[in-house]
Protein backbone atom coordinates (compact mmCIF):
# COMPACT_ATOMS: atom_id res chain seq x y z
CA MET A 1 126.22 45.76 42.15
CA ASP A 2 128.70 42.92 41.52
CA LEU A 3 128.36 40.31 44.27
CA HIS A 4 131.91 39.08 43.69
CA ARG A 5 133.24 42.53 44.59
CA LEU A 6 131.10 42.46 47.70
CA GLU A 7 132.62 39.10 48.66
CA VAL A 8 136.10 40.60 48.33
CA PHE A 9 135.05 43.64 50.37
CA CYS A 10 133.68 41.41 53.15
CA LYS A 11 136.93 39.45 53.37
CA VAL A 12 138.99 42.64 53.62
CA TYR A 13 136.56 43.91 56.27
CA GLU A 14 136.74 40.69 58.31
CA LEU A 15 140.51 40.20 58.05
CA LYS A 16 141.38 43.94 58.23
CA SER A 17 143.96 43.50 55.49
CA PHE A 18 144.05 43.77 51.69
CA SER A 19 146.74 41.08 51.43
CA ARG A 20 144.99 38.60 53.78
CA GLY A 21 141.67 39.34 52.08
CA GLY A 22 143.30 38.64 48.72
CA LYS A 23 144.70 35.31 49.91
CA ALA A 24 141.28 34.28 51.22
CA CYS A 25 139.74 35.10 47.81
CA MET A 26 142.75 33.79 45.85
CA LEU A 27 143.35 37.22 44.32
CA SER A 28 146.41 39.43 44.13
CA GLN A 29 146.57 42.51 46.35
CA PRO A 30 146.38 44.94 43.36
CA THR A 31 143.21 43.17 42.17
CA VAL A 32 141.68 43.44 45.65
CA SER A 33 142.59 47.16 45.79
CA GLU A 34 140.95 47.67 42.38
CA HIS A 35 137.72 46.00 43.56
CA ILE A 36 137.60 48.23 46.66
CA ARG A 37 138.35 51.36 44.61
CA TYR A 38 135.53 50.45 42.22
CA LEU A 39 133.06 50.11 45.11
CA GLU A 40 134.21 53.38 46.67
CA THR A 41 133.80 55.18 43.32
CA PHE A 42 130.46 53.54 42.59
CA LEU A 43 129.06 54.38 46.04
CA ASP A 44 130.91 57.72 46.35
CA VAL A 45 132.14 56.92 49.87
CA GLN A 46 135.39 55.83 51.53
CA LEU A 47 135.05 52.30 52.85
CA PHE A 48 138.37 51.90 54.69
CA ASP A 49 140.95 54.02 56.43
CA ARG A 50 144.43 52.78 55.52
CA LEU A 51 146.56 52.73 58.67
CA GLY A 52 149.89 51.27 57.63
CA ARG A 53 149.44 47.56 56.96
CA GLN A 54 146.05 47.46 58.66
CA VAL A 55 142.82 48.75 57.22
CA VAL A 56 139.98 49.94 59.44
CA PRO A 57 136.40 50.19 58.13
CA THR A 58 134.79 53.62 58.09
CA ARG A 59 131.20 54.07 59.21
CA ALA A 60 130.20 53.74 55.52
CA GLY A 61 132.16 50.49 55.39
CA GLU A 62 130.31 49.15 58.43
CA ILE A 63 126.96 49.99 56.83
CA LEU A 64 127.92 48.33 53.54
CA TYR A 65 129.19 45.22 55.34
CA ASP A 66 125.80 44.68 56.99
CA TYR A 67 123.96 44.92 53.66
CA ALA A 68 126.61 42.93 51.79
CA GLN A 69 126.23 40.06 54.26
CA ARG A 70 122.47 40.06 53.73
CA MET A 71 122.87 40.06 49.92
CA LEU A 72 125.42 37.23 49.96
CA ASN A 73 123.28 35.20 52.37
CA LEU A 74 120.28 35.73 50.11
CA ARG A 75 122.25 34.50 47.09
CA ARG A 76 123.22 31.34 48.99
CA GLU A 77 119.61 30.85 50.04
CA VAL A 78 118.35 31.16 46.45
CA THR A 79 120.92 28.62 45.26
CA ARG A 80 120.04 26.13 47.99
CA THR A 81 116.29 26.56 47.51
CA LEU A 82 116.53 25.90 43.78
CA GLU A 83 118.74 22.86 44.41
CA MET A 84 116.14 21.52 46.82
CA TYR A 85 113.43 22.23 44.22
CA ARG A 86 115.41 20.06 41.79
CA GLY A 87 115.47 17.32 44.43
CA LYS A 88 119.12 17.77 45.36
CA MET A 89 120.38 18.75 48.82
CA SER A 90 123.84 20.25 48.36
CA GLY A 91 125.80 23.40 49.02
CA GLU A 92 127.55 24.70 52.13
CA LEU A 93 126.26 25.32 55.63
CA GLU A 94 128.16 27.54 58.04
CA LEU A 95 127.39 26.83 61.66
CA GLY A 96 129.04 27.72 64.91
CA GLY A 97 129.80 25.90 68.11
CA SER A 98 131.08 27.21 71.40
CA THR A 99 134.14 25.39 72.70
CA ILE A 100 132.60 22.26 74.24
CA PRO A 101 129.89 21.46 71.66
CA GLY A 102 132.20 22.61 68.85
CA GLN A 103 134.98 20.22 69.85
CA TYR A 104 133.20 17.31 71.52
CA ILE A 105 129.61 17.09 70.23
CA LEU A 106 129.09 18.65 66.80
CA PRO A 107 131.84 16.80 64.84
CA LEU A 108 130.17 13.43 65.53
CA LEU A 109 126.73 14.80 64.66
CA ILE A 110 128.02 16.38 61.46
CA GLY A 111 129.45 13.01 60.42
CA LYS A 112 126.11 11.33 61.06
CA PHE A 113 124.24 14.07 59.16
CA LYS A 114 126.53 13.76 56.13
CA GLN A 115 125.66 10.07 55.84
CA SER A 116 122.26 11.22 54.57
CA PHE A 117 123.54 14.19 52.53
CA ALA A 118 126.87 13.23 51.02
CA ASP A 119 127.08 16.22 48.63
CA ILE A 120 126.90 18.91 51.30
CA ARG A 121 129.81 20.82 52.77
CA ILE A 122 129.72 22.00 56.38
CA LYS A 123 131.97 24.70 57.80
CA LEU A 124 132.18 24.63 61.60
CA VAL A 125 133.32 27.81 63.33
CA ILE A 126 134.47 27.34 66.93
CA ALA A 127 134.57 30.32 69.29
CA ASP A 128 133.24 31.22 72.72
CA THR A 129 129.51 31.42 73.42
CA MET A 130 129.33 35.20 73.15
CA ASN A 131 131.10 35.33 69.77
CA ILE A 132 129.01 32.51 68.26
CA THR A 133 125.81 34.17 69.49
CA ASN A 134 126.88 37.51 68.01
CA MET A 135 127.69 35.89 64.65
CA VAL A 136 124.21 34.35 64.52
CA LEU A 137 122.74 37.73 65.45
CA GLU A 138 124.72 39.49 62.69
CA GLY A 139 123.88 36.83 60.10
CA SER A 140 127.39 35.56 59.38
CA LEU A 141 126.34 32.19 60.83
CA GLU A 142 122.96 30.60 60.17
CA LEU A 143 122.88 28.73 63.47
CA GLY A 144 125.02 27.87 66.46
CA VAL A 145 125.21 25.53 69.44
CA VAL A 146 126.29 27.32 72.62
CA GLY A 147 126.69 26.72 76.34
CA ALA A 148 124.56 29.54 77.72
CA ARG A 149 121.45 31.53 76.86
CA MET A 150 121.93 35.22 76.12
CA LYS A 151 119.27 37.86 76.70
CA ASN A 152 118.23 39.05 73.22
CA ASN A 153 114.66 39.06 71.92
CA LYS A 154 115.88 38.62 68.32
CA LEU A 155 117.30 35.18 69.08
CA GLU A 156 115.70 31.84 69.84
CA PHE A 157 117.37 29.26 72.11
CA ASP A 158 116.29 25.60 72.00
CA ARG A 159 117.71 23.24 74.61
CA LEU A 160 119.62 20.36 73.01
CA PHE A 161 122.07 18.56 75.28
CA ASP A 162 122.91 18.33 78.97
CA ASP A 163 126.35 18.62 80.51
CA GLU A 164 127.94 18.61 83.96
CA LEU A 165 130.66 20.94 85.18
CA VAL A 166 133.12 19.38 87.62
CA LEU A 167 135.93 20.62 89.83
CA ALA A 168 139.07 19.20 88.20
CA ILE A 169 142.34 18.76 90.07
CA SER A 170 145.76 17.20 89.54
CA PRO A 171 146.22 13.62 90.82
CA ASN A 172 148.95 15.05 93.08
CA HIS A 173 146.66 17.64 94.64
CA GLN A 174 146.07 17.58 98.40
CA TRP A 175 142.36 16.89 97.73
CA SER A 176 143.06 13.75 95.68
CA GLU A 177 141.84 11.45 98.46
CA ARG A 178 138.89 13.63 99.50
CA SER A 179 135.31 12.59 98.81
CA SER A 180 134.20 16.25 98.66
CA ILE A 181 135.23 19.80 99.60
CA SER A 182 133.40 22.89 100.86
CA LEU A 183 132.97 26.24 99.13
CA ASP A 184 135.25 27.78 101.77
CA GLU A 185 138.00 25.39 100.71
CA LEU A 186 137.42 26.27 97.05
CA ALA A 187 137.97 29.94 97.91
CA ASP A 188 141.41 29.13 99.33
CA ALA A 189 142.66 27.18 96.28
CA PRO A 190 144.57 28.72 93.33
CA PHE A 191 141.89 28.85 90.62
CA ILE A 192 142.23 28.90 86.81
CA MET A 193 139.41 30.83 85.09
CA ARG A 194 138.06 30.56 81.54
CA GLU A 195 138.04 33.76 79.47
CA GLN A 196 135.26 36.35 79.30
CA GLY A 197 132.51 35.21 76.91
CA SER A 198 132.92 31.52 77.74
CA GLY A 199 129.65 29.69 78.39
CA THR A 200 131.40 27.49 80.97
CA ARG A 201 132.49 30.60 82.85
CA MET A 202 129.03 32.20 82.66
CA ILE A 203 127.24 29.13 84.02
CA MET A 204 129.86 28.46 86.71
CA LEU A 205 129.67 32.02 88.05
CA GLN A 206 125.86 31.97 87.89
CA ILE A 207 125.68 28.76 89.96
CA LEU A 208 128.20 30.06 92.52
CA GLU A 209 126.22 33.30 92.88
CA GLN A 210 123.00 31.35 93.40
CA ALA A 211 124.78 29.51 96.23
CA ASP A 212 125.50 32.93 97.83
CA PHE A 213 129.21 32.53 97.20
CA ASP A 214 131.09 35.85 96.95
CA LEU A 215 132.87 35.62 93.59
CA GLN A 216 135.56 38.01 94.82
CA ARG A 217 136.72 35.21 97.13
CA LEU A 218 137.94 33.10 94.20
CA ASN A 219 141.74 33.09 94.20
CA VAL A 220 142.17 33.48 90.43
CA VAL A 221 145.81 32.87 89.50
CA ALA A 222 145.34 32.59 85.73
CA GLU A 223 142.77 33.19 83.01
CA MET A 224 142.99 31.04 79.87
CA GLY A 225 141.21 31.06 76.53
CA SER A 226 140.64 27.35 76.02
CA THR A 227 139.72 24.21 77.90
CA ASP A 228 142.84 22.47 76.55
CA ALA A 229 145.08 25.16 78.04
CA ILE A 230 143.38 24.82 81.42
CA ARG A 231 143.66 21.02 81.34
CA GLN A 232 147.41 21.29 80.80
CA ALA A 233 147.73 23.94 83.52
CA ILE A 234 145.90 21.70 86.03
CA LYS A 235 148.26 18.82 85.17
CA ALA A 236 151.18 21.22 85.72
CA GLU A 237 149.68 21.99 89.16
CA VAL A 238 149.10 25.69 88.41
CA GLY A 239 145.72 25.43 90.11
CA VAL A 240 142.27 23.86 89.96
CA SER A 241 139.33 24.71 87.73
CA ILE A 242 135.69 23.92 86.99
CA LEU A 243 135.35 22.37 83.53
CA SER A 244 132.92 20.42 81.38
CA ARG A 245 132.96 16.73 82.19
CA ARG A 246 132.65 16.00 78.46
CA ALA A 247 135.91 17.87 77.82
CA ILE A 248 137.96 15.92 80.38
CA ALA A 249 136.30 12.51 80.14
CA ASP A 250 139.44 10.80 78.81
CA GLU A 251 141.67 12.34 81.51
CA LEU A 252 139.22 11.26 84.19
CA ASP A 253 139.03 7.71 82.81
CA PHE A 254 142.83 7.37 82.86
CA ARG A 255 143.20 9.33 86.14
CA LYS A 256 145.33 12.02 84.53
CA LEU A 257 142.88 14.41 86.20
CA LEU A 258 140.55 13.86 89.14
CA GLN A 259 137.18 15.40 89.96
CA VAL A 260 136.11 16.39 93.46
CA PRO A 261 132.46 17.22 94.31
CA ILE A 262 131.71 20.51 96.04
CA ARG A 263 129.31 19.81 98.88
CA GLU A 264 125.66 20.79 98.34
CA LEU A 265 126.41 22.18 94.87
CA SER A 266 125.39 20.81 91.47
CA PHE A 267 126.89 22.20 88.26
CA THR A 268 124.39 20.89 85.71
CA ARG A 269 124.09 22.99 82.55
CA HIS A 270 122.65 22.77 79.06
CA PHE A 271 123.72 23.43 75.47
CA TYR A 272 121.36 25.36 73.22
CA LEU A 273 120.65 25.70 69.52
CA VAL A 274 120.68 29.44 68.78
CA THR A 275 118.96 30.84 65.67
CA HIS A 276 117.70 34.24 64.56
CA LYS A 277 113.93 34.54 64.93
CA LYS A 278 113.34 36.67 61.84
CA ARG A 279 115.96 35.46 59.38
CA SER A 280 114.77 32.94 56.80
CA ARG A 281 116.50 29.58 56.96
CA SER A 282 118.12 27.81 54.02
CA PRO A 283 116.81 24.32 53.17
CA LEU A 284 120.14 22.84 54.30
CA GLY A 285 120.07 24.88 57.50
CA GLN A 286 116.51 23.78 58.22
CA ALA A 287 117.44 20.14 57.58
CA PHE A 288 120.31 20.39 60.07
CA VAL A 289 118.12 22.12 62.66
CA ASP A 290 115.53 19.33 62.32
CA PHE A 291 118.34 16.77 62.67
CA LEU A 292 119.67 18.41 65.87
CA LEU A 293 116.21 18.60 67.43
CA GLU A 294 115.56 14.92 66.59
CA ASN A 295 118.87 13.91 68.21
CA ARG A 296 118.75 16.08 71.32
CA ASP A 297 118.75 14.66 74.83
CA LYS A 298 115.25 13.58 75.77
């Protein structure tokens, strides 16, 4: 089976569009359609249902996608292994980072790693913790760095870095001169929540539950899909939120945002390297894993 056709199929599957899949592969839409027709004829199955401009994978398409990903990953692994055998570390590594490590930790580490391996290319995918974990589980990412551990016996989580969540408020907020607040006061404040799947949200809710705080008491006035959006909303005095200190360090330094402790509550959390226990690792992937473990917080 032609691996190039499988690459085209995977792009159409992921982007749910023949035209977008073609652009990603630098092919015309008729050429993409011909590749899909060839696969459907060769396998004697229908791979997609055409619903107007959108294409939806059939059950056969879902099965093929799983195997196609494995075959393409194996091809990349063979290439990297042979390059390493020849004494050359090159190729591309796809890794994922949840919002905080993806934006504030991994870019600096990638730069440091590339000083030793100038010929490599690293693609960093940034999404929430749940999505990055699922991509590692499915095999579309070799490894990820996320803000919460997920319960799955196929995955391994290694603690890398520490972080602190803080209650962030506008400088004009009524608590701006307070040294601390109580959980009862937090319940009364308009609160901005991160989206479902966010590691920050998971850890925050877990810590509040452990403090016997009824989560239904939170006065959630908005739910936003990024830390940047919440930072801007706090500045606009939409409400308060609990965010990573790493993400708002500059705002805190220049007093564009303030942090207020919540009495008798500590929001310490960790970032984890997530890998699949049973999937073989490419030489480049293994080198980056070793690098992360050598540079983790002691």
